[in-house]
PDB file of all heavy atoms in Angstrom:
ATOM      1  N   ARG A   1      -9.596   0.210   5.034  1.00  0.00           N
ATOM      2  CA  ARG A   1      -8.494  -0.582   5.587  1.00  0.00           C
ATOM      3  C   ARG A   1      -7.136  -0.172   5.024  1.00  0.00           C
ATOM      4  O   ARG A   1      -6.128  -0.254   5.729  1.00  0.00           O
ATOM      5  CB  ARG A   1      -8.722  -2.072   5.311  1.00  0.00           C
ATOM      6  CG  ARG A   1     -10.001  -2.617   5.874  1.00  0.00           C
ATOM      7  CD  ARG A   1     -10.083  -4.136   5.728  1.00  0.00           C
ATOM      8  NE  ARG A   1     -10.092  -4.556   4.339  1.00  0.00           N
ATOM      9  CZ  ARG A   1      -9.177  -5.372   3.787  1.00  0.00           C
ATOM     10  NH1 ARG A   1      -8.169  -5.817   4.517  1.00  0.00           N
ATOM     11  NH2 ARG A   1      -9.271  -5.716   2.514  1.00  0.00           N
ATOM     12  N   PHE A   2      -7.114   0.245   3.775  1.00  0.00           N
ATOM     13  CA  PHE A   2      -5.861   0.623   3.100  1.00  0.00           C
ATOM     14  C   PHE A   2      -5.805   2.133   2.909  1.00  0.00           C
ATOM     15  O   PHE A   2      -6.834   2.781   2.682  1.00  0.00           O
ATOM     16  CB  PHE A   2      -5.757  -0.044   1.736  1.00  0.00           C
ATOM     17  CG  PHE A   2      -5.538  -1.533   1.753  1.00  0.00           C
ATOM     18  CD1 PHE A   2      -5.670  -2.279   2.914  1.00  0.00           C
ATOM     19  CD2 PHE A   2      -5.192  -2.200   0.584  1.00  0.00           C
ATOM     20  CE1 PHE A   2      -5.473  -3.638   2.920  1.00  0.00           C
ATOM     21  CE2 PHE A   2      -4.991  -3.567   0.567  1.00  0.00           C
ATOM     22  CZ  PHE A   2      -5.141  -4.296   1.745  1.00  0.00           C
ATOM     23  N   THR A   3      -4.593   2.671   2.958  1.00  0.00           N
ATOM     24  CA  THR A   3      -4.383   4.100   2.715  1.00  0.00           C
ATOM     25  C   THR A   3      -3.186   4.279   1.793  1.00  0.00           C
ATOM     26  O   THR A   3      -2.095   3.790   2.089  1.00  0.00           O
ATOM     27  CB  THR A   3      -4.136   4.862   4.026  1.00  0.00           C
ATOM     28  OG1 THR A   3      -5.231   4.663   4.912  1.00  0.00           O
ATOM     29  CG2 THR A   3      -3.972   6.348   3.745  1.00  0.00           C
ATOM     30  N   ILE A   4      -3.410   4.979   0.693  1.00  0.00           N
ATOM     31  CA  ILE A   4      -2.332   5.262  -0.252  1.00  0.00           C
ATOM     32  C   ILE A   4      -1.786   6.658   0.002  1.00  0.00           C
ATOM     33  O   ILE A   4      -2.534   7.572   0.365  1.00  0.00           O
ATOM     34  CB  ILE A   4      -2.836   5.124  -1.712  1.00  0.00           C
ATOM     35  CG1 ILE A   4      -1.669   5.224  -2.698  1.00  0.00           C
ATOM     36  CG2 ILE A   4      -3.926   6.147  -2.021  1.00  0.00           C
ATOM     37  CD1 ILE A   4      -2.070   4.903  -4.136  1.00  0.00           C
ATOM     38  N   SER A   5      -0.485   6.811  -0.167  1.00  0.00           N
ATOM     39  CA  SER A   5       0.136   8.126  -0.013  1.00  0.00           C
ATOM     40  C   SER A   5       1.363   8.183  -0.916  1.00  0.00           C
ATOM     41  O   SER A   5       1.781   7.180  -1.479  1.00  0.00           O
ATOM     42  CB  SER A   5       0.523   8.384   1.451  1.00  0.00           C
ATOM     43  OG  SER A   5       1.455   7.408   1.893  1.00  0.00           O
ATOM     44  N   ARG A   6       1.915   9.379  -1.062  1.00  0.00           N
ATOM     45  CA  ARG A   6       3.110   9.529  -1.886  1.00  0.00           C
ATOM     46  C   ARG A   6       3.985  10.634  -1.328  1.00  0.00           C
ATOM     47  O   ARG A   6       3.510  11.520  -0.631  1.00  0.00           O
ATOM     48  CB  ARG A   6       2.741   9.794  -3.348  1.00  0.00           C
ATOM     49  CG  ARG A   6       2.141  11.147  -3.618  1.00  0.00           C
ATOM     50  CD  ARG A   6       1.562  11.245  -5.026  1.00  0.00           C
ATOM     51  NE  ARG A   6       2.559  11.062  -6.061  1.00  0.00           N
ATOM     52  CZ  ARG A   6       2.276  11.035  -7.366  1.00  0.00           C
ATOM     53  NH1 ARG A   6       1.031  11.161  -7.770  1.00  0.00           N
ATOM     54  NH2 ARG A   6       3.231  10.871  -8.247  1.00  0.00           N
ATOM     55  N   ASP A   7       5.257  10.553  -1.674  1.00  0.00           N
ATOM     56  CA  ASP A   7       6.229  11.575  -1.285  1.00  0.00           C
ATOM     57  C   ASP A   7       6.951  11.978  -2.566  1.00  0.00           C
ATOM     58  O   ASP A   7       7.815  11.247  -3.055  1.00  0.00           O
ATOM     59  CB  ASP A   7       7.203  11.001  -0.250  1.00  0.00           C
ATOM     60  CG  ASP A   7       8.175  12.042   0.281  1.00  0.00           C
ATOM     61  OD1 ASP A   7       8.460  13.016  -0.454  1.00  0.00           O
ATOM     62  OD2 ASP A   7       8.656  11.879   1.401  1.00  0.00           O
ATOM     63  N   HIS A   8       6.589  13.139  -3.103  1.00  0.00           N
ATOM     64  CA  HIS A   8       7.172  13.572  -4.368  1.00  0.00           C
ATOM     65  C   HIS A   8       8.683  13.753  -4.249  1.00  0.00           C
ATOM     66  O   HIS A   8       9.422  13.439  -5.187  1.00  0.00           O
ATOM     67  CB  HIS A   8       6.518  14.883  -4.821  1.00  0.00           C
ATOM     68  CG  HIS A   8       5.110  14.712  -5.282  1.00  0.00           C
ATOM     69  ND1 HIS A   8       4.785  14.384  -6.583  1.00  0.00           N
ATOM     70  CD2 HIS A   8       3.943  14.815  -4.622  1.00  0.00           C
ATOM     71  CE1 HIS A   8       3.486  14.312  -6.706  1.00  0.00           C
ATOM     72  NE2 HIS A   8       2.931  14.564  -5.531  1.00  0.00           N
ATOM     73  N   ALA A   9       9.143  14.257  -3.126  1.00  0.00           N
ATOM     74  CA  ALA A   9      10.573  14.516  -2.957  1.00  0.00           C
ATOM     75  C   ALA A   9      11.387  13.227  -3.021  1.00  0.00           C
ATOM     76  O   ALA A   9      12.551  13.239  -3.416  1.00  0.00           O
ATOM     77  CB  ALA A   9      10.819  15.232  -1.635  1.00  0.00           C
ATOM     78  N   LYS A  10      10.760  12.116  -2.653  1.00  0.00           N
ATOM     79  CA  LYS A  10      11.467  10.834  -2.646  1.00  0.00           C
ATOM     80  C   LYS A  10      11.067   9.950  -3.821  1.00  0.00           C
ATOM     81  O   LYS A  10      11.465   8.781  -3.875  1.00  0.00           O
ATOM     82  CB  LYS A  10      11.195  10.104  -1.334  1.00  0.00           C
ATOM     83  CG  LYS A  10      11.740  10.820  -0.107  1.00  0.00           C
ATOM     84  CD  LYS A  10      11.459  10.021   1.162  1.00  0.00           C
ATOM     85  CE  LYS A  10      12.033  10.735   2.382  1.00  0.00           C
ATOM     86  NZ  LYS A  10      11.771   9.972   3.639  1.00  0.00           N
ATOM     87  N   ASN A  11      10.258  10.487  -4.727  1.00  0.00           N
ATOM     88  CA  ASN A  11       9.763   9.661  -5.849  1.00  0.00           C
ATOM     89  C   ASN A  11       9.167   8.353  -5.337  1.00  0.00           C
ATOM     90  O   ASN A  11       9.374   7.281  -5.928  1.00  0.00           O
ATOM     91  CB  ASN A  11      10.890   9.352  -6.841  1.00  0.00           C
ATOM     92  CG  ASN A  11      11.073  10.459  -7.857  1.00  0.00           C
ATOM     93  OD1 ASN A  11      10.497  11.528  -7.733  1.00  0.00           O
ATOM     94  ND2 ASN A  11      11.873  10.195  -8.869  1.00  0.00           N
ATOM     95  N   SER A  12       8.430   8.442  -4.263  1.00  0.00           N
ATOM     96  CA  SER A  12       7.939   7.237  -3.607  1.00  0.00           C
ATOM     97  C   SER A  12       6.434   7.269  -3.400  1.00  0.00           C
ATOM     98  O   SER A  12       5.814   8.333  -3.294  1.00  0.00           O
ATOM     99  CB  SER A  12       8.625   7.074  -2.246  1.00  0.00           C
ATOM    100  OG  SER A  12      10.007   6.861  -2.397  1.00  0.00           O
ATOM    101  N   ALA A  13       5.878   6.083  -3.344  1.00  0.00           N
ATOM    102  CA  ALA A  13       4.473   5.904  -3.010  1.00  0.00           C
ATOM    103  C   ALA A  13       4.382   4.806  -1.959  1.00  0.00           C
ATOM    104  O   ALA A  13       5.256   3.932  -1.881  1.00  0.00           O
ATOM    105  CB  ALA A  13       3.656   5.538  -4.242  1.00  0.00           C
ATOM    106  N   TYR A  14       3.322   4.855  -1.179  1.00  0.00           N
ATOM    107  CA  TYR A  14       3.181   3.922  -0.069  1.00  0.00           C
ATOM    108  C   TYR A  14       1.754   3.378  -0.024  1.00  0.00           C
ATOM    109  O   TYR A  14       0.815   4.028  -0.489  1.00  0.00           O
ATOM    110  CB  TYR A  14       3.505   4.617   1.258  1.00  0.00           C
ATOM    111  CG  TYR A  14       4.835   5.320   1.236  1.00  0.00           C
ATOM    112  CD1 TYR A  14       4.916   6.680   0.930  1.00  0.00           C
ATOM    113  CD2 TYR A  14       6.010   4.631   1.520  1.00  0.00           C
ATOM    114  CE1 TYR A  14       6.143   7.324   0.898  1.00  0.00           C
ATOM    115  CE2 TYR A  14       7.237   5.274   1.483  1.00  0.00           C
ATOM    116  CZ  TYR A  14       7.294   6.616   1.165  1.00  0.00           C
ATOM    117  OH  TYR A  14       8.505   7.254   1.126  1.00  0.00           O
ATOM    118  N   LEU A  15       1.633   2.212   0.566  1.00  0.00           N
ATOM    119  CA  LEU A  15       0.307   1.634   0.795  1.00  0.00           C
ATOM    120  C   LEU A  15       0.291   1.070   2.210  1.00  0.00           C
ATOM    121  O   LEU A  15       0.946   0.065   2.483  1.00  0.00           O
ATOM    122  CB  LEU A  15      -0.020   0.548  -0.219  1.00  0.00           C
ATOM    123  CG  LEU A  15      -1.447   0.011  -0.152  1.00  0.00           C
ATOM    124  CD1 LEU A  15      -2.444   1.096  -0.588  1.00  0.00           C
ATOM    125  CD2 LEU A  15      -1.612  -1.229  -1.037  1.00  0.00           C
ATOM    126  N   GLN A  16      -0.413   1.762   3.088  1.00  0.00           N
ATOM    127  CA  GLN A  16      -0.592   1.278   4.455  1.00  0.00           C
ATOM    128  C   GLN A  16      -1.784   0.329   4.453  1.00  0.00           C
ATOM    129  O   GLN A  16      -2.895   0.727   4.067  1.00  0.00           O
ATOM    130  CB  GLN A  16      -0.834   2.448   5.411  1.00  0.00           C
ATOM    131  CG  GLN A  16      -1.095   2.021   6.835  1.00  0.00           C
ATOM    132  CD  GLN A  16       0.107   1.382   7.497  1.00  0.00           C
ATOM    133  OE1 GLN A  16       1.227   1.866   7.361  1.00  0.00           O
ATOM    134  NE2 GLN A  16      -0.114   0.297   8.224  1.00  0.00           N
ATOM    135  N   MET A  17      -1.557  -0.893   4.885  1.00  0.00           N
ATOM    136  CA  MET A  17      -2.608  -1.915   4.868  1.00  0.00           C
ATOM    137  C   MET A  17      -2.879  -2.369   6.293  1.00  0.00           C
ATOM    138  O   MET A  17      -1.986  -2.927   6.953  1.00  0.00           O
ATOM    139  CB  MET A  17      -2.176  -3.094   3.995  1.00  0.00           C
ATOM    140  CG  MET A  17      -1.756  -2.693   2.580  1.00  0.00           C
ATOM    141  SD  MET A  17      -1.428  -4.107   1.518  1.00  0.00           S
ATOM    142  CE  MET A  17      -0.054  -4.853   2.380  1.00  0.00           C
ATOM    143  N   ASN A  18      -4.070  -2.131   6.745  1.00  0.00           N
ATOM    144  CA  ASN A  18      -4.486  -2.534   8.089  1.00  0.00           C
ATOM    145  C   ASN A  18      -5.606  -3.562   8.004  1.00  0.00           C
ATOM    146  O   ASN A  18      -6.245  -3.715   6.967  1.00  0.00           O
ATOM    147  CB  ASN A  18      -4.963  -1.315   8.880  1.00  0.00           C
ATOM    148  CG  ASN A  18      -3.891  -0.271   9.054  1.00  0.00           C
ATOM    149  OD1 ASN A  18      -2.698  -0.592   9.176  1.00  0.00           O
ATOM    150  ND2 ASN A  18      -4.285   0.996   9.077  1.00  0.00           N
ATOM    151  N   SER A  19      -5.844  -4.227   9.111  1.00  0.00           N
ATOM    152  CA  SER A  19      -6.923  -5.226   9.190  1.00  0.00           C
ATOM    153  C   SER A  19      -6.861  -6.190   8.016  1.00  0.00           C
ATOM    154  O   SER A  19      -7.869  -6.455   7.353  1.00  0.00           O
ATOM    155  CB  SER A  19      -8.284  -4.522   9.233  1.00  0.00           C
ATOM    156  OG  SER A  19      -8.360  -3.638  10.325  1.00  0.00           O
ATOM    157  N   LEU A  20      -5.696  -6.698   7.776  1.00  0.00           N
ATOM    158  CA  LEU A  20      -5.499  -7.561   6.610  1.00  0.00           C
ATOM    159  C   LEU A  20      -6.299  -8.844   6.717  1.00  0.00           C
ATOM    160  O   LEU A  20      -6.486  -9.404   7.814  1.00  0.00           O
ATOM    161  CB  LEU A  20      -4.020  -7.871   6.430  1.00  0.00           C
ATOM    162  CG  LEU A  20      -3.217  -6.712   5.805  1.00  0.00           C
ATOM    163  CD1 LEU A  20      -1.734  -6.868   6.063  1.00  0.00           C
ATOM    164  CD2 LEU A  20      -3.507  -6.625   4.320  1.00  0.00           C
ATOM    165  N   LYS A  21      -6.756  -9.310   5.557  1.00  0.00           N
ATOM    166  CA  LYS A  21      -7.552 -10.522   5.452  1.00  0.00           C
ATOM    167  C   LYS A  21      -6.847 -11.528   4.546  1.00  0.00           C
ATOM    168  O   LYS A  21      -6.054 -11.138   3.695  1.00  0.00           O
ATOM    169  CB  LYS A  21      -8.919 -10.190   4.855  1.00  0.00           C
ATOM    170  CG  LYS A  21      -9.691  -9.132   5.595  1.00  0.00           C
ATOM    171  CD  LYS A  21     -10.986  -8.789   4.871  1.00  0.00           C
ATOM    172  CE  LYS A  21     -11.775  -7.727   5.610  1.00  0.00           C
ATOM    173  NZ  LYS A  21     -13.048  -7.388   4.914  1.00  0.00           N
ATOM    174  N   PRO A  22      -7.155 -12.793   4.698  1.00  0.00           N
ATOM    175  CA  PRO A  22      -6.528 -13.791   3.811  1.00  0.00           C
ATOM    176  C   PRO A  22      -6.737 -13.477   2.331  1.00  0.00           C
ATOM    177  O   PRO A  22      -5.842 -13.742   1.516  1.00  0.00           O
ATOM    178  CB  PRO A  22      -7.228 -15.091   4.225  1.00  0.00           C
ATOM    179  CG  PRO A  22      -7.566 -14.881   5.664  1.00  0.00           C
ATOM    180  CD  PRO A  22      -7.944 -13.431   5.759  1.00  0.00           C
ATOM    181  N   GLU A  23      -7.861 -12.887   1.986  1.00  0.00           N
ATOM    182  CA  GLU A  23      -8.126 -12.575   0.578  1.00  0.00           C
ATOM    183  C   GLU A  23      -7.288 -11.403   0.060  1.00  0.00           C
ATOM    184  O   GLU A  23      -7.337 -11.093  -1.128  1.00  0.00           O
ATOM    185  CB  GLU A  23      -9.615 -12.287   0.352  1.00  0.00           C
ATOM    186  CG  GLU A  23     -10.219 -11.282   1.305  1.00  0.00           C
ATOM    187  CD  GLU A  23     -10.928 -11.942   2.484  1.00  0.00           C
ATOM    188  OE1 GLU A  23     -10.359 -12.910   3.051  1.00  0.00           O
ATOM    189  OE2 GLU A  23     -12.025 -11.461   2.838  1.00  0.00           O
ATOM    190  N   ASP A  24      -6.527 -10.755   0.936  1.00  0.00           N
ATOM    191  CA  ASP A  24      -5.588  -9.727   0.495  1.00  0.00           C
ATOM    192  C   ASP A  24      -4.272 -10.333   0.008  1.00  0.00           C
ATOM    193  O   ASP A  24      -3.412  -9.625  -0.517  1.00  0.00           O
ATOM    194  CB  ASP A  24      -5.294  -8.749   1.629  1.00  0.00           C
ATOM    195  CG  ASP A  24      -6.503  -7.946   2.041  1.00  0.00           C
ATOM    196  OD1 ASP A  24      -7.256  -7.498   1.155  1.00  0.00           O
ATOM    197  OD2 ASP A  24      -6.696  -7.752   3.259  1.00  0.00           O
ATOM    198  N   THR A  25      -4.111 -11.632   0.176  1.00  0.00           N
ATOM    199  CA  THR A  25      -2.899 -12.300  -0.268  1.00  0.00           C
ATOM    200  C   THR A  25      -2.734 -12.149  -1.775  1.00  0.00           C
ATOM    201  O   THR A  25      -3.636 -12.492  -2.541  1.00  0.00           O
ATOM    202  CB  THR A  25      -2.942 -13.788   0.110  1.00  0.00           C
ATOM    203  OG1 THR A  25      -2.947 -13.906   1.541  1.00  0.00           O
ATOM    204  CG2 THR A  25      -1.747 -14.532  -0.454  1.00  0.00           C
ATOM    205  N   ALA A  26      -1.592 -11.627  -2.183  1.00  0.00           N
ATOM    206  CA  ALA A  26      -1.336 -11.361  -3.600  1.00  0.00           C
ATOM    207  C   ALA A  26       0.070 -10.788  -3.740  1.00  0.00           C
ATOM    208  O   ALA A  26       0.721 -10.466  -2.742  1.00  0.00           O
ATOM    209  CB  ALA A  26      -2.350 -10.370  -4.159  1.00  0.00           C
ATOM    210  N   VAL A  27       0.510 -10.648  -4.971  1.00  0.00           N
ATOM    211  CA  VAL A  27       1.706  -9.861  -5.270  1.00  0.00           C
ATOM    212  C   VAL A  27       1.238  -8.440  -5.551  1.00  0.00           C
ATOM    213  O   VAL A  27       0.343  -8.227  -6.382  1.00  0.00           O
ATOM    214  CB  VAL A  27       2.487 -10.422  -6.459  1.00  0.00           C
ATOM    215  CG1 VAL A  27       3.707  -9.546  -6.746  1.00  0.00           C
ATOM    216  CG2 VAL A  27       2.911 -11.865  -6.191  1.00  0.00           C
ATOM    217  N   TYR A  28       1.830  -7.488  -4.871  1.00  0.00           N
ATOM    218  CA  TYR A  28       1.428  -6.094  -4.993  1.00  0.00           C
ATOM    219  C   TYR A  28       2.458  -5.331  -5.827  1.00  0.00           C
ATOM    220  O   TYR A  28       3.672  -5.480  -5.639  1.00  0.00           O
ATOM    221  CB  TYR A  28       1.304  -5.450  -3.613  1.00  0.00           C
ATOM    222  CG  TYR A  28       0.049  -5.872  -2.890  1.00  0.00           C
ATOM    223  CD1 TYR A  28      -0.086  -7.162  -2.385  1.00  0.00           C
ATOM    224  CD2 TYR A  28      -1.014  -4.996  -2.719  1.00  0.00           C
ATOM    225  CE1 TYR A  28      -1.250  -7.563  -1.735  1.00  0.00           C
ATOM    226  CE2 TYR A  28      -2.177  -5.378  -2.076  1.00  0.00           C
ATOM    227  CZ  TYR A  28      -2.292  -6.663  -1.591  1.00  0.00           C
ATOM    228  OH  TYR A  28      -3.445  -7.057  -0.964  1.00  0.00           O
ATOM    229  N   TYR A  29       1.936  -4.513  -6.732  1.00  0.00           N
ATOM    230  CA  TYR A  29       2.752  -3.725  -7.638  1.00  0.00           C
ATOM    231  C   TYR A  29       2.355  -2.257  -7.566  1.00  0.00           C
ATOM    232  O   TYR A  29       1.190  -1.929  -7.336  1.00  0.00           O
ATOM    233  CB  TYR A  29       2.544  -4.171  -9.082  1.00  0.00           C
ATOM    234  CG  TYR A  29       2.820  -5.624  -9.369  1.00  0.00           C
ATOM    235  CD1 TYR A  29       1.823  -6.585  -9.191  1.00  0.00           C
ATOM    236  CD2 TYR A  29       4.058  -6.028  -9.866  1.00  0.00           C
ATOM    237  CE1 TYR A  29       2.064  -7.914  -9.471  1.00  0.00           C
ATOM    238  CE2 TYR A  29       4.299  -7.364 -10.155  1.00  0.00           C
ATOM    239  CZ  TYR A  29       3.310  -8.295  -9.960  1.00  0.00           C
ATOM    240  OH  TYR A  29       3.552  -9.617 -10.245  1.00  0.00           O
ATOM    241  N   CYS A  30       3.309  -1.397  -7.816  1.00  0.00           N
ATOM    242  CA  CYS A  30       2.971   0.002  -8.035  1.00  0.00           C
ATOM    243  C   CYS A  30       3.261   0.333  -9.493  1.00  0.00           C
ATOM    244  O   CYS A  30       4.067  -0.316 -10.162  1.00  0.00           O
ATOM    245  CB  CYS A  30       3.733   0.933  -7.104  1.00  0.00           C
ATOM    246  SG  CYS A  30       5.493   1.073  -7.451  1.00  0.00           S
TER     247      CYS A  30
END
């Protein structure tokens, strides 16, 4: 359901979250 990726040129990371469920409710940190 989730896919992590990063872009070194932008010093960035991403988390694509699909098919979200109520139990995914939280504060997300990198």
